[in-house]
Amino acid sequence: MDIGPLATTTVGSFPRPGWLADVDRSRAEFHLEGAALSEAQDDATALILGEQETLGLDLLTDGEQRRESFVWYLPSSWEGVDTTQYGEKEVYRGRVNPRLVPRITGKVKRKSALMVDDLEFAKAHTDWPLKMALPGPMTVVDSTLNEAYGDEAELAMDVAALLNEELKDLQTAGCDVLQLDEPAMTRYHQKVFDYGARALDRALEGITVPTIVHLCFGYPGGMNLQHEYEYPDLLPALMETRIGGFAVEFGRSTFDPAVLRACGDRIVMFGCIDPGASPVPSVDAVKARVAEALQHLDPGQVWLAPDCGLMTIDRGLANLKLAVMIESAQQLRTEL
């Protein structure tokens, strides 16, 4: 798949229409149930795909309109995961602790593909390239209460094997780009070195389409920055894996893009837009931020995106921010 230099995309989630759900931070509370909910999610997905085409994004997503949570959507379909009776867990940098999370009650097993139907619905409603996102192994471990496994590494490797099956099915079904969301990697660097990079690599076995790992710092919705760690220690470890590229967050952070030299010639999905409820940036401001990255990267390996998902902000604001990003990309391509 060749979508050209400075291609524009998003991390994955889009705001839910008001008739579908309310959003509390990163979780959606749907207004409907059963068949009515499924129909509404179909309608919302088709709507969001159309909006992305109208805006002119180069690589689309399904907007994640079916997901209550980006982490729990897929694991809720596995055996060994209890999403009906949550357990309490202390969460690193949690804003509210302890938090209620799903419980791992036995060996995790996959019943059948879940997201292939989502992909096929999206493909039936657009001819544009599509990217689908799944939670990474470390983030699944971090977001559940382990009551069944001897240690986190064992659980992570089993989760990685199930993710690998889902990724392979999505690849076979024609997905253009596959993404694993790994905010836990930015929180626990030592765990990345101990088992997280190995689990990521396991999840990617046999995957030949472009792959991205989203290294999220977890600040959608205008919340405070949470940067205890930065990228320099993380990127070299992940360069030892099969991952095809990195989604990194420079729209809201003050990180120096020079660190991205560590990405070699792999894809860099460069976050250049604050995904929170902040004012719309100017085209010149976005261009200047992207130009900093282009001092260290070839334009052909750089994609542009917001830092994180857009689900926590107003639809109008999200579209205005994306329009600025797209205009910035178009101007930079011309100037380059």
Protein backbone atom coordinates (compact mmCIF):
# COMPACT_ATOMS: atom_id res chain seq x y z
CA MET A 1 0.00 0.00 0.00
CA ASP A 2 1.38 3.39 -1.03
CA ILE A 3 -0.50 6.41 0.26
CA GLY A 4 2.29 8.90 -0.38
CA PRO A 5 4.45 11.21 1.75
CA LEU A 6 2.83 13.05 4.65
CA ALA A 7 -0.32 10.97 4.32
CA THR A 8 -3.06 11.98 6.75
CA THR A 9 -4.89 9.63 9.08
CA THR A 10 -6.13 9.37 12.67
CA VAL A 11 -5.36 7.14 15.63
CA GLY A 12 -8.76 5.50 15.40
CA SER A 13 -11.68 6.82 17.43
CA PHE A 14 -14.01 9.61 16.36
CA PRO A 15 -16.67 11.40 18.41
CA ARG A 16 -19.90 9.43 18.74
CA PRO A 17 -23.01 11.14 17.41
CA GLY A 18 -25.16 12.34 20.30
CA TRP A 19 -27.95 9.95 19.38
CA LEU A 20 -25.57 6.99 19.76
CA ALA A 21 -23.70 7.54 23.02
CA ASP A 22 -22.39 9.85 25.70
CA VAL A 23 -18.66 9.72 26.39
CA ASP A 24 -17.13 9.76 29.88
CA ARG A 25 -13.41 10.24 29.37
CA SER A 26 -12.45 7.26 27.24
CA ARG A 27 -15.60 5.14 27.63
CA ALA A 28 -18.87 5.38 25.76
CA GLU A 29 -22.28 4.94 27.35
CA PHE A 30 -24.63 3.79 24.59
CA HIS A 31 -28.25 4.95 24.54
CA LEU A 32 -29.65 1.82 22.91
CA GLU A 33 -29.47 -1.95 23.30
CA GLY A 34 -29.68 -5.08 21.17
CA ALA A 35 -30.64 -4.83 17.51
CA ALA A 36 -31.37 -1.11 17.80
CA LEU A 37 -27.86 -0.49 19.08
CA SER A 38 -26.29 -2.53 16.27
CA GLU A 39 -28.27 -0.58 13.68
CA ALA A 40 -27.27 2.72 15.26
CA GLN A 41 -23.60 1.69 15.31
CA ASP A 42 -23.81 0.76 11.63
CA ASP A 43 -25.33 4.17 10.86
CA ALA A 44 -22.69 5.98 12.89
CA THR A 45 -19.85 4.06 11.22
CA ALA A 46 -21.17 4.87 7.73
CA LEU A 47 -21.55 8.52 8.76
CA ILE A 48 -18.00 8.78 10.11
CA LEU A 49 -16.53 7.10 7.04
CA GLY A 50 -18.33 9.63 4.84
CA GLU A 51 -17.07 12.53 6.93
CA GLN A 52 -13.48 11.28 6.59
CA GLU A 53 -13.82 11.06 2.82
CA THR A 54 -15.26 14.59 2.69
CA LEU A 55 -12.43 15.93 4.83
CA GLY A 56 -9.88 14.25 2.56
CA LEU A 57 -8.03 11.95 4.93
CA ASP A 58 -5.78 9.50 3.08
CA LEU A 59 -6.12 6.52 5.43
CA LEU A 60 -9.48 5.99 7.13
CA THR A 61 -10.65 4.14 10.23
CA ASP A 62 -14.11 2.90 11.16
CA GLY A 63 -14.19 5.54 13.90
CA GLU A 64 -14.50 2.81 16.56
CA GLN A 65 -18.22 3.55 16.86
CA ARG A 66 -18.98 0.06 18.21
CA ARG A 67 -16.58 0.22 21.14
CA GLU A 68 -17.46 1.05 24.70
CA SER A 69 -13.74 1.03 25.43
CA PHE A 70 -10.80 0.72 23.06
CA VAL A 71 -9.22 -1.87 25.39
CA TRP A 72 -12.15 -4.08 26.37
CA TYR A 73 -14.02 -4.35 23.08
CA LEU A 74 -11.98 -7.25 21.69
CA PRO A 75 -11.06 -9.12 24.92
CA SER A 76 -14.73 -9.15 25.95
CA SER A 77 -15.24 -11.75 23.21
CA TRP A 78 -12.64 -14.14 24.67
CA GLU A 79 -13.09 -16.99 27.11
CA GLY A 80 -11.40 -16.39 30.44
CA VAL A 81 -12.32 -12.68 30.56
CA ASP A 82 -15.19 -11.64 32.84
CA THR A 83 -16.72 -8.31 31.81
CA THR A 84 -19.85 -8.76 33.93
CA GLN A 85 -18.33 -8.75 37.42
CA TYR A 86 -15.43 -6.32 37.58
CA GLY A 87 -12.59 -6.39 40.09
CA GLU A 88 -10.71 -3.54 41.78
CA LYS A 89 -7.19 -2.77 40.58
CA GLU A 90 -4.66 -0.08 41.39
CA VAL A 91 -3.80 1.51 38.05
CA TYR A 92 -0.53 3.33 37.44
CA ARG A 93 -1.10 7.10 37.32
CA GLY A 94 -4.78 6.41 37.73
CA ARG A 95 -6.95 9.45 38.22
CA VAL A 96 -9.27 7.35 40.35
CA ASN A 97 -7.85 4.40 42.31
CA PRO A 98 -8.67 1.63 42.66
CA ARG A 99 -10.48 1.26 39.34
CA LEU A 100 -13.03 -1.36 38.34
CA VAL A 101 -11.69 -3.52 35.50
CA PRO A 102 -12.57 -6.83 33.83
CA ARG A 103 -11.15 -9.95 35.48
CA ILE A 104 -8.98 -12.67 33.95
CA THR A 105 -10.60 -15.77 35.41
CA GLY A 106 -9.02 -18.53 33.33
CA LYS A 107 -6.80 -19.24 30.34
CA VAL A 108 -7.75 -16.75 27.64
CA LYS A 109 -9.10 -18.36 24.48
CA ARG A 110 -10.51 -16.90 21.30
CA LYS A 111 -13.96 -18.07 20.27
CA SER A 112 -14.00 -16.54 16.77
CA ALA A 113 -12.97 -13.41 14.89
CA LEU A 114 -14.72 -10.27 16.17
CA MET A 115 -13.38 -7.38 14.10
CA VAL A 116 -13.54 -8.91 10.63
CA ASP A 117 -17.24 -8.05 10.49
CA ASP A 118 -16.37 -4.46 11.48
CA LEU A 119 -13.78 -4.28 8.71
CA GLU A 120 -16.08 -5.79 6.09
CA PHE A 121 -18.84 -3.32 6.97
CA ALA A 122 -16.38 -0.44 6.59
CA LYS A 123 -15.05 -1.80 3.29
CA ALA A 124 -18.61 -2.00 1.99
CA HIS A 125 -19.00 1.73 2.66
CA THR A 126 -15.72 3.11 1.35
CA ASP A 127 -13.13 2.32 -1.32
CA TRP A 128 -10.42 4.22 0.56
CA PRO A 129 -7.58 2.49 2.46
CA LEU A 130 -8.54 1.38 5.98
CA LYS A 131 -6.65 1.01 9.25
CA MET A 132 -8.00 -1.05 12.14
CA ALA A 133 -6.74 -0.75 15.73
CA LEU A 134 -6.55 -3.41 18.45
CA PRO A 135 -5.31 -3.12 22.05
CA GLY A 136 -1.74 -4.35 22.47
CA PRO A 137 -0.78 -7.20 24.83
CA MET A 138 0.70 -5.02 27.57
CA THR A 139 -2.33 -2.75 27.61
CA VAL A 140 -4.75 -5.69 27.88
CA VAL A 141 -2.73 -6.95 30.86
CA ASP A 142 -2.62 -3.49 32.42
CA SER A 143 -6.37 -2.97 32.01
CA THR A 144 -7.54 -6.25 33.56
CA LEU A 145 -7.27 -7.93 36.96
CA ASN A 146 -5.24 -11.14 36.64
CA GLU A 147 -6.78 -13.86 38.81
CA ALA A 148 -5.65 -16.87 36.77
CA TYR A 149 -2.06 -16.59 35.56
CA GLY A 150 1.17 -17.02 37.48
CA ASP A 151 2.66 -13.80 36.16
CA GLU A 152 2.00 -10.96 33.74
CA ALA A 153 4.46 -12.22 31.14
CA GLU A 154 2.61 -15.52 30.76
CA LEU A 155 -0.70 -13.70 30.36
CA ALA A 156 0.80 -11.22 27.88
CA MET A 157 2.11 -13.99 25.65
CA ASP A 158 -1.27 -15.74 25.59
CA VAL A 159 -2.97 -12.44 24.78
CA ALA A 160 -0.41 -11.84 22.02
CA ALA A 161 -1.24 -15.21 20.47
CA LEU A 162 -4.96 -14.33 20.36
CA LEU A 163 -4.21 -10.90 18.92
CA ASN A 164 -2.07 -12.55 16.27
CA GLU A 165 -5.03 -14.67 15.17
CA GLU A 166 -7.25 -11.56 14.96
CA LEU A 167 -4.59 -9.64 13.03
CA LYS A 168 -4.17 -12.49 10.57
CA ASP A 169 -7.92 -12.65 9.97
CA LEU A 170 -8.04 -8.88 9.39
CA GLN A 171 -5.10 -9.12 7.02
CA THR A 172 -6.82 -11.90 5.06
CA ALA A 173 -10.00 -9.82 4.92
CA GLY A 174 -8.11 -7.00 3.21
CA CYS A 175 -7.20 -4.54 5.94
CA ASP A 176 -4.58 -2.09 4.62
CA VAL A 177 -2.89 -1.13 7.91
CA LEU A 178 -3.03 -2.75 11.36
CA GLN A 179 -2.41 -0.86 14.60
CA LEU A 180 -1.79 -2.01 18.16
CA ASP A 181 -2.59 0.55 20.86
CA GLU A 182 -0.04 0.38 23.69
CA PRO A 183 -0.38 3.19 26.25
CA ALA A 184 0.96 0.75 28.85
CA MET A 185 4.31 0.79 27.07
CA THR A 186 4.79 4.47 27.89
CA ARG A 187 4.00 3.79 31.56
CA TYR A 188 6.14 0.74 32.26
CA HIS A 189 9.38 0.84 30.32
CA GLN A 190 10.93 -1.97 32.37
CA LYS A 191 7.99 -4.24 31.53
CA VAL A 192 8.56 -3.49 27.85
CA PHE A 193 12.14 -4.69 28.22
CA ASP A 194 11.10 -7.71 30.31
CA TYR A 195 8.27 -9.04 28.15
CA GLY A 196 6.31 -6.29 26.36
CA ALA A 197 8.50 -6.07 23.25
CA ARG A 198 8.55 -9.88 23.02
CA ALA A 199 4.74 -10.01 23.28
CA LEU A 200 4.37 -7.33 20.60
CA ASP A 201 6.64 -9.32 18.31
CA ARG A 202 4.59 -12.48 18.93
CA ALA A 203 1.40 -10.67 17.97
CA LEU A 204 2.96 -9.70 14.63
CA GLU A 205 4.06 -13.15 13.47
CA GLY A 206 3.01 -13.70 9.86
CA ILE A 207 1.71 -10.15 9.39
CA THR A 208 2.88 -8.59 6.13
CA VAL A 209 0.70 -5.48 5.79
CA PRO A 210 2.03 -2.25 7.38
CA THR A 211 1.80 -2.28 11.18
CA ILE A 212 1.88 0.55 13.70
CA VAL A 213 2.22 0.59 17.48
CA HIS A 214 0.53 3.58 19.11
CA LEU A 215 2.72 4.74 21.98
CA CYS A 216 0.08 6.76 23.80
CA PHE A 217 0.63 8.90 26.88
CA GLY A 218 -3.07 8.89 27.69
CA TYR A 219 -4.26 12.45 27.77
CA PRO A 220 -7.33 12.75 25.55
CA GLY A 221 -10.04 15.20 26.54
CA GLY A 222 -7.76 18.05 27.63
CA MET A 223 -6.48 16.33 30.76
CA ASN A 224 -3.09 17.05 32.29
CA LEU A 225 0.09 15.73 30.74
CA GLN A 226 1.35 12.52 32.33
CA HIS A 227 4.88 12.23 30.99
CA GLU A 228 7.00 10.46 33.55
CA TYR A 229 8.91 8.78 30.73
CA GLU A 230 9.72 9.81 27.16
CA TYR A 231 10.51 7.94 23.96
CA PRO A 232 14.33 7.60 23.90
CA ASP A 233 14.49 4.42 26.00
CA LEU A 234 11.46 2.85 24.34
CA LEU A 235 12.07 3.18 20.60
CA PRO A 236 15.36 1.23 20.42
CA ALA A 237 13.79 -1.75 22.22
CA LEU A 238 10.82 -1.78 19.85
CA MET A 239 13.09 -1.50 16.81
CA GLU A 240 14.12 -5.07 17.67
CA THR A 241 10.57 -6.25 16.89
CA ARG A 242 8.68 -6.80 13.63
CA ILE A 243 6.68 -3.58 14.05
CA GLY A 244 6.48 -1.51 10.89
CA GLY A 245 6.16 1.90 12.51
CA PHE A 246 5.31 4.05 15.49
CA ALA A 247 2.43 6.40 16.30
CA VAL A 248 4.01 9.07 18.50
CA GLU A 249 2.61 12.14 20.23
CA PHE A 250 4.15 15.53 19.45
CA GLY A 251 1.03 17.65 19.01
CA ARG A 252 0.57 18.49 22.65
CA SER A 253 3.95 17.51 24.09
CA THR A 254 7.14 19.54 23.95
CA PHE A 255 9.23 16.50 23.02
CA ASP A 256 12.19 17.06 20.69
CA PRO A 257 11.51 15.21 17.39
CA ALA A 258 15.24 14.47 17.13
CA VAL A 259 14.51 11.30 19.12
CA LEU A 260 12.68 9.96 16.06
CA ARG A 261 16.01 9.28 14.35
CA ALA A 262 15.85 6.03 16.32
CA CYS A 263 12.97 4.92 14.07
CA GLY A 264 15.30 4.34 11.14
CA ASP A 265 13.32 4.04 7.92
CA ARG A 266 10.13 2.75 9.54
CA ILE A 267 6.82 4.57 9.39
CA VAL A 268 6.35 7.44 11.84
CA MET A 269 2.72 8.37 12.41
CA PHE A 270 3.55 11.82 13.73
CA GLY A 271 1.04 13.24 16.20
CA CYS A 272 0.77 16.93 15.34
CA ILE A 273 -2.71 17.84 16.64
CA ASP A 274 -3.87 18.06 20.28
CA PRO A 275 -6.81 15.62 20.51
CA GLY A 276 -8.35 17.44 23.47
CA ALA A 277 -10.82 20.29 23.81
CA SER A 278 -8.21 22.96 23.06
CA PRO A 279 -8.47 25.69 20.43
CA VAL A 280 -7.98 24.77 16.78
CA PRO A 281 -4.32 25.37 15.88
CA SER A 282 -3.24 27.43 12.90
CA VAL A 283 -1.99 25.80 9.73
CA ASP A 284 1.34 27.56 10.22
CA ALA A 285 1.72 26.15 13.75
CA VAL A 286 1.07 22.60 12.57
CA LYS A 287 3.40 22.99 9.61
CA ALA A 288 6.14 24.26 11.89
CA ARG A 289 5.80 21.26 14.20
CA VAL A 290 5.86 18.80 11.30
CA ALA A 291 8.87 20.62 9.82
CA GLU A 292 10.77 19.89 13.03
CA ALA A 293 10.22 16.17 12.46
CA LEU A 294 11.24 16.44 8.80
CA GLN A 295 14.67 17.63 9.90
CA HIS A 296 15.23 14.04 11.07
CA LEU A 297 12.91 11.91 8.89
CA ASP A 298 12.24 11.36 5.20
CA PRO A 299 8.80 12.73 4.18
CA GLY A 300 8.03 9.39 2.56
CA GLN A 301 8.01 7.63 5.94
CA VAL A 302 5.93 10.25 7.78
CA TRP A 303 2.18 10.13 8.22
CA LEU A 304 0.28 12.88 10.05
CA ALA A 305 -2.34 12.26 12.73
CA PRO A 306 -3.73 13.68 15.96
CA ASP A 307 -1.85 12.57 19.07
CA CYS A 308 -4.63 10.29 20.27
CA GLY A 309 -8.24 9.34 19.59
CA LEU A 310 -10.86 12.05 19.06
CA MET A 311 -13.81 10.43 20.85
CA THR A 312 -13.80 12.78 23.85
CA ILE A 313 -14.36 16.03 21.93
CA ASP A 314 -17.15 17.62 19.93
CA ARG A 315 -17.60 16.41 16.34
CA GLY A 316 -17.36 19.91 14.95
CA LEU A 317 -14.13 20.61 16.80
CA ALA A 318 -12.65 17.28 15.69
CA ASN A 319 -13.41 18.01 12.05
CA LEU A 320 -11.97 21.54 12.26
CA LYS A 321 -8.73 20.20 13.74
CA LEU A 322 -8.49 17.51 11.07
CA ALA A 323 -9.13 20.07 8.32
CA VAL A 324 -6.16 22.10 9.58
CA MET A 325 -3.97 18.99 9.65
CA ILE A 326 -4.97 18.06 6.10
CA GLU A 327 -4.35 21.58 4.80
CA SER A 328 -0.96 21.59 6.51
CA ALA A 329 -0.04 18.31 4.82
CA GLN A 330 -1.14 19.59 1.41
CA GLN A 331 0.91 22.76 1.74
CA LEU A 332 3.99 20.89 2.96
CA ARG A 333 3.80 18.44 0.06
CA THR A 334 3.73 21.34 -2.37
CA GLU A 335 6.61 23.10 -0.67
CA LEU A 336 8.69 19.94 -0.53
